[in-house]
Amino acid sequence: MSSSRKSRITNASNVMYTNAVYWPNNRLYKGDTPGALNYGCINRVYYAFANVTADGGVFLSDEWADARAPCDGVQGALGSLMHLKQRYPHLQVILSIGGGASAETFPIVASSTILRDNFARSARGLVEASGLDGIDIVWEYPCNPQQGNDFLALMAAIRLHLPEDHYLLTAALPAARAVLQNIDHGRASEYLDAINLVAYDFFGTWTPKGGHHAQLYSMSKDEESGASGVQFLMASGVPANKILLGIPCFGRSFLNVTGPGHKNRGAGGEDGSFDYSQLPRKGTKEQVDKRAVAAQCVGGDGGFVTYDNPDTVKIKATFCKQKGLGGLFYWSAPSDSKDSKRSLITAGFRTLHSS
């Protein structure tokens, strides 16, 4: 591969900010395909997830969905994305490795010099075979300082096999101080092209109280927020332009309450959430909490549902510009509204690139 590849892919489009999306392969079974997205507003797709084995091997997690199923006139959702890259030269396609299924495996692989090397070699083989632009590490999550050190060692090993002048390397990390404090982010950012800051899931079925799950600003000192996560990374030495702020394309539900701060009494939807395309719920009115920067609807089958809408995404995109961040990412693209006026991805892109 020519050494100019990375500079070519990052400069192919005239956009200043990254507007990235995750595309989970299991959405193929719901009838979604990568070809349905608006690539006028997207310049990077994270294809999720590849798996990692205990010996450091990296492999596609669903060979049918990834490489064989009929999809957009070609074979497999990953095949579709590689075909779309030919139509949209500015599009970067990155293989996202990990997710919840890898929580037990990453600590094993990252703790061993041999296994880290196996991982890096295996990842490079998959990237080269597929024509991808790089990889994204989703280790959920380094939970102590030793794992934080192992995370750094893994990034260093990857960079030996996926050098920065050829390939992109990113990692997704939560905006929670309890996790972030385990990693030397100043050193991590020397290896990484971007940190995808998961600035959502602050509240959910696992928390004792309900709250705005993707709030930009917290309402009390003991709450996490997107802004506090950004502040922590920047104070830790991460260049602002290497931070992408995460936007959820789903809402979190809390039944039998009318707003944040109440005791958790159960949740509606699928596993406590609704796709953004299903919000606001029928018979409810959408409202925006401008202090927290969060949208909500109350009533119906969801109770209090907290999420982002175009108004909150515009505020978050403006925050990104003010802080000099690299841009936004969305989990996940198929859950966004098909209506361009309601689309979070469209709202973010337009605000990032408005004067």
Protein backbone atom coordinates (compact mmCIF):
# COMPACT_ATOMS: atom_id res chain seq x y z
CA MET A 1 0.00 0.00 0.00
CA SER A 2 1.33 3.46 -0.81
CA SER A 3 2.49 5.53 2.15
CA SER A 4 0.26 8.38 0.96
CA ARG A 5 -2.90 6.38 1.56
CA LYS A 6 -3.79 7.86 4.94
CA SER A 7 -3.20 11.46 3.86
CA ARG A 8 -5.27 10.80 0.77
CA ILE A 9 -8.19 9.38 2.70
CA THR A 10 -8.17 12.12 5.31
CA ASN A 11 -7.98 14.94 2.75
CA ALA A 12 -10.25 13.46 0.08
CA SER A 13 -13.24 15.37 1.34
CA ASN A 14 -13.38 19.11 1.93
CA VAL A 15 -14.80 18.70 5.44
CA MET A 16 -13.03 20.03 8.50
CA TYR A 17 -14.67 17.74 11.05
CA THR A 18 -15.21 14.01 11.29
CA ASN A 19 -18.83 12.89 11.28
CA ALA A 20 -18.53 9.15 11.96
CA VAL A 21 -21.07 6.39 12.46
CA TYR A 22 -21.02 2.87 13.83
CA TRP A 23 -22.74 0.23 11.73
CA PRO A 24 -23.41 -3.00 13.71
CA ASN A 25 -23.51 -6.12 11.54
CA ASN A 26 -26.55 -7.55 13.37
CA ARG A 27 -28.71 -4.78 11.88
CA LEU A 28 -28.63 -6.66 8.59
CA TYR A 29 -31.16 -9.06 10.15
CA LYS A 30 -33.54 -6.12 10.71
CA GLY A 31 -33.43 -5.24 7.02
CA ASP A 32 -30.92 -2.39 7.33
CA THR A 33 -28.03 -2.03 4.87
CA PRO A 34 -25.06 0.38 4.64
CA GLY A 35 -26.32 1.56 1.26
CA ALA A 36 -29.29 3.28 2.93
CA LEU A 37 -27.09 5.90 4.65
CA ASN A 38 -26.50 9.46 3.40
CA TYR A 39 -22.76 9.62 2.68
CA GLY A 40 -23.04 13.33 1.95
CA CYS A 41 -23.08 13.68 5.76
CA ILE A 42 -20.77 10.79 6.76
CA ASN A 43 -17.02 10.52 6.23
CA ARG A 44 -16.20 7.52 8.44
CA VAL A 45 -17.93 4.22 9.20
CA TYR A 46 -16.92 1.95 12.05
CA TYR A 47 -18.04 -1.58 11.12
CA ALA A 48 -18.93 -3.39 14.35
CA PHE A 49 -17.83 -5.80 15.61
CA ALA A 50 -15.00 -8.16 14.80
CA ASN A 51 -14.16 -10.61 17.60
CA VAL A 52 -10.89 -11.31 19.36
CA THR A 53 -9.96 -14.77 20.67
CA ALA A 54 -7.90 -15.58 23.77
CA ASP A 55 -4.85 -16.33 21.59
CA GLY A 56 -5.03 -12.84 20.05
CA GLY A 57 -6.69 -13.81 16.78
CA VAL A 58 -9.04 -11.28 15.17
CA PHE A 59 -11.88 -12.58 13.01
CA LEU A 60 -15.19 -11.43 11.54
CA SER A 61 -17.96 -12.25 14.01
CA ASP A 62 -20.69 -13.18 11.51
CA GLU A 63 -19.39 -14.46 8.20
CA TRP A 64 -22.88 -14.56 6.67
CA ALA A 65 -23.79 -10.95 7.54
CA ASP A 66 -20.28 -9.62 6.93
CA ALA A 67 -19.31 -11.36 3.69
CA ARG A 68 -22.01 -13.59 2.19
CA ALA A 69 -25.54 -12.23 2.65
CA PRO A 70 -27.08 -10.38 -0.33
CA CYS A 71 -26.65 -6.69 0.55
CA ASP A 72 -26.92 -3.60 -1.68
CA GLY A 73 -26.26 -5.71 -4.76
CA VAL A 74 -23.05 -7.27 -3.42
CA GLN A 75 -22.14 -9.91 -0.83
CA GLY A 76 -22.19 -8.97 2.85
CA ALA A 77 -22.57 -5.68 4.74
CA LEU A 78 -18.79 -5.25 4.90
CA GLY A 79 -18.66 -5.98 1.18
CA SER A 80 -21.27 -3.25 0.67
CA LEU A 81 -19.15 -0.71 2.57
CA MET A 82 -16.03 -1.56 0.57
CA HIS A 83 -18.10 -1.10 -2.61
CA LEU A 84 -19.41 2.25 -1.31
CA LYS A 85 -15.79 3.37 -0.73
CA GLN A 86 -15.31 3.24 -4.49
CA ARG A 87 -18.31 5.53 -5.02
CA TYR A 88 -17.39 7.91 -2.18
CA PRO A 89 -13.61 8.49 -2.20
CA HIS A 90 -13.80 10.51 1.04
CA LEU A 91 -15.26 7.56 2.97
CA GLN A 92 -13.08 5.84 5.56
CA VAL A 93 -14.14 2.33 6.61
CA ILE A 94 -12.67 1.10 9.89
CA LEU A 95 -13.07 -2.33 11.46
CA SER A 96 -14.28 -2.04 15.05
CA ILE A 97 -12.90 -4.88 17.18
CA GLY A 98 -14.42 -5.92 20.50
CA GLY A 99 -17.61 -4.70 22.12
CA GLY A 100 -19.27 -6.35 25.08
CA ALA A 101 -18.41 -9.88 23.91
CA SER A 102 -14.68 -9.16 24.29
CA ALA A 103 -14.71 -7.84 27.87
CA GLU A 104 -13.03 -11.00 29.20
CA THR A 105 -10.68 -11.55 26.25
CA PHE A 106 -8.98 -8.15 25.86
CA PRO A 107 -7.39 -8.22 29.36
CA ILE A 108 -5.83 -11.62 28.57
CA VAL A 109 -4.51 -10.61 25.14
CA ALA A 110 -3.24 -7.18 26.25
CA SER A 111 -1.29 -8.62 29.20
CA SER A 112 1.07 -10.72 27.05
CA THR A 113 3.79 -9.56 24.64
CA ILE A 114 3.25 -12.61 22.41
CA LEU A 115 -0.55 -12.28 22.36
CA ARG A 116 -0.38 -8.54 21.66
CA ASP A 117 1.85 -9.29 18.66
CA ASN A 118 -0.56 -12.03 17.52
CA PHE A 119 -3.44 -9.56 17.77
CA ALA A 120 -1.64 -6.86 15.78
CA ARG A 121 -0.56 -9.30 13.04
CA SER A 122 -4.04 -10.81 12.81
CA ALA A 123 -5.70 -7.38 12.66
CA ARG A 124 -3.35 -6.26 9.92
CA GLY A 125 -4.09 -9.41 7.91
CA LEU A 126 -7.82 -8.75 8.10
CA VAL A 127 -7.42 -5.06 7.26
CA GLU A 128 -5.21 -5.75 4.24
CA ALA A 129 -7.42 -8.58 2.95
CA SER A 130 -10.51 -6.36 3.12
CA GLY A 131 -8.96 -3.06 1.96
CA LEU A 132 -9.95 -1.29 5.19
CA ASP A 133 -8.50 2.01 6.42
CA GLY A 134 -7.68 0.85 9.95
CA ILE A 135 -9.09 -0.51 13.19
CA ASP A 136 -11.03 0.71 16.20
CA ILE A 137 -10.50 -0.89 19.63
CA VAL A 138 -13.62 -1.28 21.79
CA TRP A 139 -12.33 -2.85 25.02
CA GLU A 140 -15.20 -2.53 27.52
CA TYR A 141 -13.28 -1.37 29.57
CA PRO A 142 -9.77 -1.27 31.13
CA CYS A 143 -10.90 -1.41 34.77
CA ASN A 144 -7.68 -0.91 36.78
CA PRO A 145 -4.25 0.75 36.33
CA GLN A 146 -2.61 -2.52 35.24
CA GLN A 147 -5.15 -2.97 32.47
CA GLY A 148 -4.60 0.70 31.60
CA ASN A 149 -0.88 -0.01 31.13
CA ASP A 150 -1.71 -3.12 29.10
CA PHE A 151 -4.03 -1.02 26.93
CA LEU A 152 -1.07 1.28 26.11
CA ALA A 153 1.16 -1.72 25.36
CA LEU A 154 -1.51 -3.08 23.01
CA MET A 155 -1.73 0.25 21.15
CA ALA A 156 2.08 0.28 20.80
CA ALA A 157 2.08 -3.27 19.40
CA ILE A 158 -0.69 -2.41 16.92
CA ARG A 159 1.25 0.61 15.67
CA LEU A 160 4.26 -1.60 14.84
CA HIS A 161 2.08 -3.55 12.38
CA LEU A 162 -0.35 -0.77 11.40
CA PRO A 163 1.94 2.28 11.07
CA GLU A 164 0.31 5.68 11.34
CA ASP A 165 1.30 6.86 7.87
CA HIS A 166 -0.74 3.98 6.37
CA TYR A 167 -3.58 3.19 8.78
CA LEU A 168 -6.01 4.79 11.20
CA LEU A 169 -6.14 3.54 14.81
CA THR A 170 -8.94 4.67 17.13
CA ALA A 171 -10.40 3.52 20.44
CA ALA A 172 -13.80 3.94 22.09
CA LEU A 173 -13.75 4.84 25.80
CA PRO A 174 -16.53 5.91 28.17
CA ALA A 175 -16.76 9.44 29.53
CA ALA A 176 -16.67 8.01 33.07
CA ARG A 177 -13.76 9.13 35.25
CA ALA A 178 -13.67 5.71 36.98
CA VAL A 179 -12.51 4.15 33.69
CA LEU A 180 -10.63 7.07 32.14
CA GLN A 181 -8.35 7.47 35.17
CA ASN A 182 -6.86 4.00 34.55
CA ILE A 183 -5.16 5.09 31.30
CA ASP A 184 -2.35 7.55 30.58
CA HIS A 185 -4.25 9.36 27.84
CA GLY A 186 -1.40 11.66 26.91
CA ARG A 187 0.63 8.58 25.91
CA ALA A 188 -2.40 6.81 24.40
CA SER A 189 -3.05 9.78 22.10
CA GLU A 190 0.47 9.40 20.66
CA TYR A 191 -0.69 6.09 19.16
CA LEU A 192 -4.32 6.95 18.44
CA ASP A 193 -5.81 9.05 15.64
CA ALA A 194 -9.02 9.49 17.65
CA ILE A 195 -10.62 8.65 20.97
CA ASN A 196 -14.33 8.01 20.49
CA LEU A 197 -15.71 9.36 23.76
CA VAL A 198 -18.84 7.39 24.68
CA ALA A 199 -20.75 10.36 26.09
CA TYR A 200 -23.96 8.43 26.78
CA ASP A 201 -25.25 5.59 28.98
CA PHE A 202 -24.66 7.74 32.07
CA PHE A 203 -27.98 6.36 33.33
CA GLY A 204 -29.89 3.18 32.54
CA THR A 205 -31.42 0.02 33.97
CA TRP A 206 -28.17 -0.58 35.92
CA THR A 207 -28.25 2.73 37.86
CA PRO A 208 -30.24 3.23 41.10
CA LYS A 209 -31.76 6.47 39.76
CA GLY A 210 -32.93 7.62 36.37
CA GLY A 211 -31.36 10.58 34.60
CA HIS A 212 -30.44 12.08 31.24
CA HIS A 213 -28.32 9.35 29.72
CA ALA A 214 -26.44 11.56 27.26
CA GLN A 215 -26.34 14.91 29.04
CA LEU A 216 -23.70 17.37 27.86
CA TYR A 217 -23.69 19.04 31.28
CA SER A 218 -24.36 17.38 34.63
CA MET A 219 -26.83 18.80 37.14
CA SER A 220 -24.75 17.83 40.20
CA LYS A 221 -21.07 17.33 41.02
CA ASP A 222 -21.32 13.56 41.37
CA GLU A 223 -22.81 13.05 37.88
CA GLU A 224 -20.85 12.32 34.70
CA SER A 225 -21.44 14.25 31.48
CA GLY A 226 -20.07 14.66 27.99
CA ALA A 227 -18.40 17.95 28.93
CA SER A 228 -16.72 16.47 32.03
CA GLY A 229 -15.36 13.58 29.95
CA VAL A 230 -13.94 15.98 27.35
CA GLN A 231 -12.43 18.13 30.11
CA PHE A 232 -10.78 15.07 31.71
CA LEU A 233 -9.21 13.93 28.42
CA MET A 234 -7.93 17.39 27.52
CA ALA A 235 -6.49 17.87 31.04
CA SER A 236 -4.77 14.48 30.59
CA GLY A 237 -2.90 15.70 27.53
CA VAL A 238 -5.14 14.53 24.68
CA PRO A 239 -5.14 17.01 21.78
CA ALA A 240 -8.70 18.32 21.39
CA ASN A 241 -8.79 17.44 17.69
CA LYS A 242 -8.31 13.76 18.56
CA ILE A 243 -11.56 13.61 20.55
CA LEU A 244 -14.85 12.62 18.87
CA LEU A 245 -17.94 13.24 21.03
CA GLY A 246 -20.43 10.37 20.99
CA ILE A 247 -24.10 10.82 20.17
CA PRO A 248 -26.61 8.01 20.92
CA CYS A 249 -29.19 7.17 18.26
CA PHE A 250 -31.33 5.63 20.98
CA GLY A 251 -33.19 6.66 24.11
CA ARG A 252 -33.14 5.20 27.62
CA SER A 253 -36.50 4.48 29.28
CA PHE A 254 -37.50 4.83 32.95
CA LEU A 255 -41.04 3.71 33.77
CA ASN A 256 -43.40 5.32 36.31
CA VAL A 257 -41.40 8.55 36.62
CA THR A 258 -41.73 11.95 34.98
CA GLY A 259 -38.10 13.07 34.81
CA PRO A 260 -34.52 12.63 36.01
CA GLY A 261 -33.51 12.04 39.62
CA HIS A 262 -36.22 9.53 40.57
CA LYS A 263 -35.62 6.00 41.83
CA ASN A 264 -35.26 3.46 39.03
CA ARG A 265 -38.57 1.57 38.78
CA GLY A 266 -37.99 -0.45 35.62
CA ALA A 267 -37.75 0.30 31.93
CA GLY A 268 -39.73 0.03 28.71
CA GLY A 269 -38.61 -0.72 25.18
CA GLU A 270 -36.09 -3.36 24.17
CA ASP A 271 -33.61 -3.89 27.02
CA GLY A 272 -34.61 -0.50 28.40
CA SER A 273 -34.11 1.45 25.19
CA PHE A 274 -35.87 2.68 22.06
CA ASP A 275 -34.27 3.40 18.68
CA TYR A 276 -34.24 7.15 18.05
CA SER A 277 -36.35 6.55 14.93
CA GLN A 278 -39.14 5.41 17.33
CA LEU A 279 -39.04 8.63 19.38
CA PRO A 280 -40.86 10.53 20.73
CA ARG A 281 -43.27 7.78 21.81
CA LYS A 282 -46.85 7.89 20.58
CA GLY A 283 -49.03 10.34 22.51
CA THR A 284 -46.09 12.16 24.10
CA LYS A 285 -44.58 15.59 23.52
CA GLU A 286 -40.87 16.08 22.94
CA GLN A 287 -39.13 18.57 25.22
CA VAL A 288 -35.53 19.80 25.53
CA ASP A 289 -33.72 20.39 28.82
CA LYS A 290 -31.41 23.22 27.79
CA ARG A 291 -29.37 23.15 31.00
CA ALA A 292 -28.35 19.52 30.69
CA VAL A 293 -28.66 19.57 26.85
CA ALA A 294 -30.95 16.56 26.59
CA ALA A 295 -34.25 15.74 24.90
CA GLN A 296 -37.04 13.80 26.58
CA CYS A 297 -40.60 12.58 26.22
CA VAL A 298 -42.81 11.49 29.11
CA GLY A 299 -45.78 9.11 29.11
CA GLY A 300 -47.07 6.23 27.06
CA ASP A 301 -45.19 2.93 27.04
CA GLY A 302 -41.79 4.46 27.76
CA GLY A 303 -42.40 6.53 30.87
CA PHE A 304 -39.57 9.07 30.99
CA VAL A 305 -37.40 8.55 27.89
CA THR A 306 -34.15 10.50 27.60
CA TYR A 307 -32.32 10.93 24.27
CA ASP A 308 -30.82 13.37 21.77
CA ASN A 309 -32.80 15.19 19.09
CA PRO A 310 -31.67 17.59 16.32
CA ASP A 311 -31.76 20.56 18.73
CA THR A 312 -29.47 18.92 21.30
CA VAL A 313 -27.12 17.58 18.61
CA LYS A 314 -26.76 21.11 17.19
CA ILE A 315 -25.73 22.35 20.65
CA LYS A 316 -23.26 19.46 21.02
CA ALA A 317 -21.80 20.11 17.56
CA THR A 318 -21.35 23.78 18.47
CA PHE A 319 -19.64 22.67 21.71
CA CYS A 320 -17.27 20.54 19.58
CA LYS A 321 -16.37 23.56 17.45
CA GLN A 322 -15.84 25.79 20.48
CA LYS A 323 -13.54 23.22 22.12
CA GLY A 324 -11.70 22.40 18.89
CA LEU A 325 -12.74 18.73 18.98
CA GLY A 326 -12.32 16.43 16.00
CA GLY A 327 -16.06 15.97 15.49
CA LEU A 328 -18.87 13.58 16.37
CA PHE A 329 -19.71 9.90 16.13
CA TYR A 330 -23.10 8.15 16.37
CA TRP A 331 -24.15 4.78 17.80
CA SER A 332 -25.63 3.55 15.66
CA ALA A 333 -26.46 4.74 12.16
CA PRO A 334 -29.37 2.37 11.36
CA SER A 335 -31.28 3.67 14.43
CA ASP A 336 -31.29 7.27 13.17
CA SER A 337 -34.42 8.82 11.67
CA LYS A 338 -34.91 8.31 7.94
CA ASP A 339 -36.45 11.80 7.81
CA SER A 340 -33.63 14.26 7.05
CA LYS A 341 -35.34 16.94 9.19
CA ARG A 342 -35.19 14.57 12.21
CA SER A 343 -31.84 12.95 11.42
CA LEU A 344 -29.22 13.34 14.15
CA ILE A 345 -26.39 12.53 11.73
CA THR A 346 -27.56 15.26 9.33
CA ALA A 347 -28.04 17.82 12.13
CA GLY A 348 -24.54 17.16 13.46
CA PHE A 349 -22.85 17.35 10.06
CA ARG A 350 -24.61 20.58 9.05
CA THR A 351 -23.82 22.30 12.34
CA LEU A 352 -20.18 21.19 12.34
CA HIS A 353 -19.73 22.64 8.86
CA SER A 354 -21.82 25.80 9.18
CA SER A 355 -19.98 29.09 9.51
